[in-house]
Amino acid sequence: MDMVETESQVSLSDSDVVERVRAGESGLFELLMRRYNQRLFRLIRSVHADDLEAEDILQDTWLKHSNTWPSLREDPASQPG
């Protein structure tokens, strides 16, 4: 099922979405994925010539970062980057 941004979600800045995800609204992480999926795929694809490999890397990237959100809620200052 495709997620379409609601009118209220469209008005949310990326930083607002990040803050709300960090506050516990983990479902909004998908909103960031929808906003940046194509750009990130194109970037990965520019480095890796194989579409399947690029898709695997993209999926791994999203999975890795979706798993970091709970730890960001605990102490964002202690996270790298």
Protein backbone atom coordinates (compact mmCIF):
# COMPACT_ATOMS: atom_id res chain seq x y z
CA MET A 1 0.00 0.00 0.00
CA ASP A 2 1.48 3.33 -1.06
CA MET A 3 1.63 6.07 1.51
CA VAL A 4 0.51 9.44 0.23
CA GLU A 5 1.46 12.50 2.23
CA THR A 6 -1.55 14.11 3.81
CA GLU A 7 -1.96 17.86 3.68
CA SER A 8 -0.69 18.17 7.25
CA GLN A 9 2.35 15.99 6.49
CA VAL A 10 3.29 18.03 3.43
CA SER A 11 3.58 21.08 5.65
CA LEU A 12 6.04 19.30 7.97
CA SER A 13 9.68 20.16 7.40
CA ASP A 14 12.20 17.34 7.45
CA SER A 15 13.48 18.55 10.82
CA ASP A 16 9.91 18.49 12.19
CA VAL A 17 9.51 14.92 10.97
CA VAL A 18 12.83 13.90 12.53
CA GLU A 19 11.89 15.45 15.87
CA ARG A 20 8.51 13.72 15.86
CA VAL A 21 10.09 10.37 14.98
CA ARG A 22 12.60 10.86 17.80
CA ALA A 23 9.67 11.64 20.11
CA GLY A 24 8.11 8.28 19.31
CA GLU A 25 6.07 8.72 16.12
CA SER A 26 8.12 6.08 14.31
CA GLY A 27 5.53 5.74 11.54
CA LEU A 28 6.65 9.10 10.20
CA PHE A 29 10.03 7.59 9.27
CA GLU A 30 8.28 6.29 6.15
CA LEU A 31 7.55 9.89 5.20
CA LEU A 32 11.28 10.62 5.07
CA MET A 33 11.80 7.48 3.05
CA ARG A 34 9.18 8.57 0.53
CA ARG A 35 10.70 12.04 0.26
CA TYR A 36 14.27 10.86 -0.33
CA ASN A 37 14.05 7.36 -1.80
CA GLN A 38 14.48 8.33 -5.46
CA ARG A 39 17.31 10.78 -4.81
CA LEU A 40 19.17 8.29 -2.68
CA PHE A 41 18.68 5.54 -5.26
CA ARG A 42 20.07 7.79 -8.01
CA LEU A 43 23.10 8.58 -5.87
CA ILE A 44 23.77 4.91 -5.13
CA ARG A 45 23.15 4.02 -8.78
CA SER A 46 25.75 6.57 -9.87
CA VAL A 47 28.34 4.55 -7.94
CA HIS A 48 27.05 1.02 -8.61
CA ALA A 49 26.19 0.11 -12.19
CA ASP A 50 23.92 -2.79 -11.26
CA ASP A 51 20.29 -1.88 -10.46
CA LEU A 52 19.77 -4.88 -8.19
CA GLU A 53 22.90 -4.10 -6.20
CA ALA A 54 21.83 -0.45 -5.90
CA GLU A 55 18.38 -1.52 -4.67
CA ASP A 56 19.95 -3.84 -2.09
CA ILE A 57 22.19 -1.05 -0.83
CA LEU A 58 19.23 1.33 -0.67
CA GLN A 59 17.17 -1.17 1.31
CA ASP A 60 20.06 -1.86 3.68
CA THR A 61 20.54 1.89 4.18
CA TRP A 62 16.91 2.47 5.11
CA LEU A 63 16.85 -0.57 7.37
CA LYS A 64 20.01 0.49 9.18
CA HIS A 65 18.71 4.00 9.76
CA SER A 66 15.20 2.95 10.75
CA ASN A 67 16.77 0.81 13.46
CA THR A 68 18.72 3.78 14.87
CA TRP A 69 15.67 5.92 15.71
CA PRO A 70 14.92 4.27 19.10
CA SER A 71 18.49 4.88 20.27
CA LEU A 72 18.31 8.51 19.12
CA ARG A 73 15.38 9.03 21.49
CA GLU A 74 17.53 7.95 24.43
CA ASP A 75 20.45 10.36 24.02
CA PRO A 76 20.80 12.15 20.68
CA ALA A 77 24.00 13.91 21.76
CA SER A 78 25.80 10.58 22.11
CA GLN A 79 25.15 9.50 18.51
CA PRO A 80 27.91 9.76 15.93
CA GLY A 81 27.69 12.28 13.14
